[in-house]
Amino acid sequence: MQRLPLTAALSCALAALPSLATAQLSYKCGNSYSQTPCPDAVVLDKTDQRTSAQKTQADQATQRDARLANTMEKARLQQEAKDLAANTPATKASRPASASKHSKDKAKKVRVKKAVPPATKKEAAPKP
């Protein structure tokens, strides 16, 4: 039982370690970006330069776009379900009464002959 408080304290301390780490600098070296400086490197400022009003506006736009995307998804799913229902063949239970067993017997059966290639001269002539 003595180990439980010690384990809990150690776990909390380890969880807080990443927040104590210092921010790393980023450098722009020509057309590439790096964490190590190069000759003529430009240090990049990674802090958010927006005002709180701009951040609020961007957050509201993101929420509005998410609601619109959900609405569009629901409409698409409803349309797909409607299209699927329209293109699904009828089952025996939902078949109309006019399509009875006897109507199948009345249908003509068409026989298709297989095409046979014509015999060539070598095949036509008997071998001696």
C-alpha atoms as a PDB file:
ATOM      1  CA  MET A   1       0.000   0.000   0.000  1.00  0.00           C
ATOM      2  CA  GLN A   2       2.971   2.324   0.596  1.00  0.00           C
ATOM      3  CA  ARG A   3       3.960   2.047  -3.065  1.00  0.00           C
ATOM      4  CA  LEU A   4       0.658   3.347  -4.471  1.00  0.00           C
ATOM      5  CA  PRO A   5       1.155   7.041  -3.487  1.00  0.00           C
ATOM      6  CA  LEU A   6       4.740   6.922  -4.712  1.00  0.00           C
ATOM      7  CA  THR A   7       3.672   5.407  -8.045  1.00  0.00           C
ATOM      8  CA  ALA A   8       0.909   7.993  -8.464  1.00  0.00           C
ATOM      9  CA  ALA A   9       3.290  10.868  -7.738  1.00  0.00           C
ATOM     10  CA  LEU A  10       5.866   9.501 -10.156  1.00  0.00           C
ATOM     11  CA  SER A  11       3.243   9.068 -12.875  1.00  0.00           C
ATOM     12  CA  CYS A  12       2.053  12.665 -12.471  1.00  0.00           C
ATOM     13  CA  ALA A  13       5.618  13.954 -12.628  1.00  0.00           C
ATOM     14  CA  LEU A  14       6.328  11.997 -15.815  1.00  0.00           C
ATOM     15  CA  ALA A  15       3.099  13.207 -17.409  1.00  0.00           C
ATOM     16  CA  ALA A  16       4.082  16.831 -16.750  1.00  0.00           C
ATOM     17  CA  LEU A  17       7.552  16.501 -18.300  1.00  0.00           C
ATOM     18  CA  PRO A  18       6.558  17.296 -21.913  1.00  0.00           C
ATOM     19  CA  SER A  19       5.061  20.624 -20.846  1.00  0.00           C
ATOM     20  CA  LEU A  20       8.396  21.624 -19.295  1.00  0.00           C
ATOM     21  CA  ALA A  21      10.297  21.091 -22.527  1.00  0.00           C
ATOM     22  CA  THR A  22      11.448  24.247 -24.266  1.00  0.00           C
ATOM     23  CA  ALA A  23      10.146  25.105 -27.699  1.00  0.00           C
ATOM     24  CA  GLN A  24      12.408  24.130 -30.563  1.00  0.00           C
ATOM     25  CA  LEU A  25      13.377  26.693 -33.141  1.00  0.00           C
ATOM     26  CA  SER A  26      12.709  26.149 -36.809  1.00  0.00           C
ATOM     27  CA  TYR A  27      14.855  27.541 -39.554  1.00  0.00           C
ATOM     28  CA  LYS A  28      14.166  28.275 -43.199  1.00  0.00           C
ATOM     29  CA  CYS A  29      17.204  27.402 -45.266  1.00  0.00           C
ATOM     30  CA  GLY A  30      16.486  28.438 -48.851  1.00  0.00           C
ATOM     31  CA  ASN A  31      13.472  26.341 -49.959  1.00  0.00           C
ATOM     32  CA  SER A  32      13.641  23.833 -47.099  1.00  0.00           C
ATOM     33  CA  TYR A  33      12.866  23.883 -43.399  1.00  0.00           C
ATOM     34  CA  SER A  34      15.018  22.408 -40.651  1.00  0.00           C
ATOM     35  CA  GLN A  35      15.482  22.234 -36.894  1.00  0.00           C
ATOM     36  CA  THR A  36      19.204  22.804 -37.259  1.00  0.00           C
ATOM     37  CA  PRO A  37      20.531  26.163 -38.462  1.00  0.00           C
ATOM     38  CA  CYS A  38      22.341  26.503 -41.749  1.00  0.00           C
ATOM     39  CA  PRO A  39      24.315  29.403 -43.241  1.00  0.00           C
ATOM     40  CA  ASP A  40      21.960  32.326 -43.950  1.00  0.00           C
ATOM     41  CA  ALA A  41      19.145  30.579 -42.059  1.00  0.00           C
ATOM     42  CA  VAL A  42      16.038  32.543 -41.154  1.00  0.00           C
ATOM     43  CA  VAL A  43      14.543  31.807 -37.726  1.00  0.00           C
ATOM     44  CA  LEU A  44      10.800  31.215 -38.055  1.00  0.00           C
ATOM     45  CA  ASP A  45       8.326  32.611 -35.549  1.00  0.00           C
ATOM     46  CA  LYS A  46       5.890  29.785 -34.821  1.00  0.00           C
ATOM     47  CA  THR A  47       3.578  31.699 -32.502  1.00  0.00           C
ATOM     48  CA  ASP A  48       0.011  32.380 -33.539  1.00  0.00           C
ATOM     49  CA  GLN A  49      -0.087  35.939 -34.885  1.00  0.00           C
ATOM     50  CA  ARG A  50      -3.884  36.184 -34.983  1.00  0.00           C
ATOM     51  CA  THR A  51      -5.882  38.371 -32.642  1.00  0.00           C
ATOM     52  CA  SER A  52      -8.478  36.761 -30.389  1.00  0.00           C
ATOM     53  CA  ALA A  53     -11.223  38.143 -32.653  1.00  0.00           C
ATOM     54  CA  GLN A  54      -9.607  36.513 -35.694  1.00  0.00           C
ATOM     55  CA  LYS A  55      -9.262  33.214 -33.841  1.00  0.00           C
ATOM     56  CA  THR A  56     -12.916  33.352 -32.756  1.00  0.00           C
ATOM     57  CA  GLN A  57     -13.970  34.112 -36.333  1.00  0.00           C
ATOM     58  CA  ALA A  58     -11.930  31.173 -37.662  1.00  0.00           C
ATOM     59  CA  ASP A  59     -13.384  28.843 -35.004  1.00  0.00           C
ATOM     60  CA  GLN A  60     -16.927  29.915 -35.914  1.00  0.00           C
ATOM     61  CA  ALA A  61     -16.222  29.327 -39.603  1.00  0.00           C
ATOM     62  CA  THR A  62     -14.875  25.863 -38.799  1.00  0.00           C
ATOM     63  CA  GLN A  63     -17.999  24.996 -36.793  1.00  0.00           C
ATOM     64  CA  ARG A  64     -20.259  26.346 -39.559  1.00  0.00           C
ATOM     65  CA  ASP A  65     -18.406  24.291 -42.173  1.00  0.00           C
ATOM     66  CA  ALA A  66     -18.676  21.159 -40.010  1.00  0.00           C
ATOM     67  CA  ARG A  67     -22.460  21.647 -39.655  1.00  0.00           C
ATOM     68  CA  LEU A  68     -22.783  22.178 -43.414  1.00  0.00           C
ATOM     69  CA  ALA A  69     -20.719  19.052 -44.107  1.00  0.00           C
ATOM     70  CA  ASN A  70     -22.950  16.987 -41.789  1.00  0.00           C
ATOM     71  CA  THR A  71     -26.070  18.316 -43.519  1.00  0.00           C
ATOM     72  CA  MET A  72     -24.635  17.499 -46.937  1.00  0.00           C
ATOM     73  CA  GLU A  73     -23.668  14.007 -45.794  1.00  0.00           C
ATOM     74  CA  LYS A  74     -27.192  13.305 -44.520  1.00  0.00           C
ATOM     75  CA  ALA A  75     -28.682  14.508 -47.804  1.00  0.00           C
ATOM     76  CA  ARG A  76     -26.255  12.330 -49.777  1.00  0.00           C
ATOM     77  CA  LEU A  77     -27.041   9.249 -47.693  1.00  0.00           C
ATOM     78  CA  GLN A  78     -30.793   9.815 -48.130  1.00  0.00           C
ATOM     79  CA  GLN A  79     -30.358  10.195 -51.899  1.00  0.00           C
ATOM     80  CA  GLU A  80     -28.217   7.033 -52.064  1.00  0.00           C
ATOM     81  CA  ALA A  81     -30.848   5.089 -50.110  1.00  0.00           C
ATOM     82  CA  LYS A  82     -33.571   6.360 -52.443  1.00  0.00           C
ATOM     83  CA  ASP A  83     -31.523   5.442 -55.540  1.00  0.00           C
ATOM     84  CA  LEU A  84     -30.729   2.012 -54.123  1.00  0.00           C
ATOM     85  CA  ALA A  85     -34.390   1.340 -53.406  1.00  0.00           C
ATOM     86  CA  ALA A  86     -35.324   2.376 -56.956  1.00  0.00           C
ATOM     87  CA  ASN A  87     -32.699   0.088 -58.508  1.00  0.00           C
ATOM     88  CA  THR A  88     -33.196  -2.979 -56.309  1.00  0.00           C
ATOM     89  CA  PRO A  89     -35.017  -5.812 -58.119  1.00  0.00           C
ATOM     90  CA  ALA A  90     -38.362  -6.868 -56.688  1.00  0.00           C
ATOM     91  CA  THR A  91     -38.458 -10.017 -54.550  1.00  0.00           C
ATOM     92  CA  LYS A  92     -41.040 -12.800 -54.970  1.00  0.00           C
ATOM     93  CA  ALA A  93     -43.149 -11.416 -52.137  1.00  0.00           C
ATOM     94  CA  SER A  94     -43.318  -7.959 -53.688  1.00  0.00           C
ATOM     95  CA  ARG A  95     -43.809  -9.149 -57.292  1.00  0.00           C
ATOM     96  CA  PRO A  96     -47.038  -7.867 -58.897  1.00  0.00           C
ATOM     97  CA  ALA A  97     -49.879 -10.352 -59.387  1.00  0.00           C
ATOM     98  CA  SER A  98     -49.639 -10.111 -63.195  1.00  0.00           C
ATOM     99  CA  ALA A  99     -46.190 -11.675 -63.100  1.00  0.00           C
ATOM    100  CA  SER A 100     -47.469 -15.097 -62.183  1.00  0.00           C
ATOM    101  CA  LYS A 101     -46.005 -18.533 -62.729  1.00  0.00           C
ATOM    102  CA  HIS A 102     -48.007 -19.027 -65.935  1.00  0.00           C
ATOM    103  CA  SER A 103     -46.547 -15.967 -67.631  1.00  0.00           C
ATOM    104  CA  LYS A 104     -43.157 -17.675 -67.575  1.00  0.00           C
ATOM    105  CA  ASP A 105     -44.562 -20.671 -69.477  1.00  0.00           C
ATOM    106  CA  LYS A 106     -45.966 -18.441 -72.209  1.00  0.00           C
ATOM    107  CA  ALA A 107     -42.627 -16.824 -72.917  1.00  0.00           C
ATOM    108  CA  LYS A 108     -40.929 -18.056 -76.074  1.00  0.00           C
ATOM    109  CA  LYS A 109     -37.743 -19.973 -75.664  1.00  0.00           C
ATOM    110  CA  VAL A 110     -35.125 -18.937 -78.140  1.00  0.00           C
ATOM    111  CA  ARG A 111     -32.354 -21.324 -79.018  1.00  0.00           C
ATOM    112  CA  VAL A 112     -29.039 -19.955 -80.066  1.00  0.00           C
ATOM    113  CA  LYS A 113     -26.777 -21.987 -82.298  1.00  0.00           C
ATOM    114  CA  LYS A 114     -23.074 -21.874 -81.754  1.00  0.00           C
ATOM    115  CA  ALA A 115     -21.069 -20.416 -84.576  1.00  0.00           C
ATOM    116  CA  VAL A 116     -18.816 -22.969 -86.221  1.00  0.00           C
ATOM    117  CA  PRO A 117     -15.836 -21.675 -88.227  1.00  0.00           C
ATOM    118  CA  PRO A 118     -15.703 -22.838 -91.852  1.00  0.00           C
ATOM    119  CA  ALA A 119     -13.316 -25.667 -92.626  1.00  0.00           C
ATOM    120  CA  THR A 120     -10.044 -24.714 -94.229  1.00  0.00           C
ATOM    121  CA  LYS A 121      -8.725 -26.374 -97.384  1.00  0.00           C
ATOM    122  CA  LYS A 122      -6.289 -28.524 -95.402  1.00  0.00           C
ATOM    123  CA  GLU A 123      -9.034 -29.833 -93.159  1.00  0.00           C
ATOM    124  CA  ALA A 124     -11.450 -30.386 -96.044  1.00  0.00           C
ATOM    125  CA  ALA A 125      -9.074 -32.532 -98.081  1.00  0.00           C
ATOM    126  CA  PRO A 126      -8.713 -36.116 -96.817  1.00  0.00           C
ATOM    127  CA  LYS A 127      -5.193 -37.323 -96.120  1.00  0.00           C
ATOM    128  CA  PRO A 128      -3.896 -40.242 -98.236  1.00  0.00           C
END
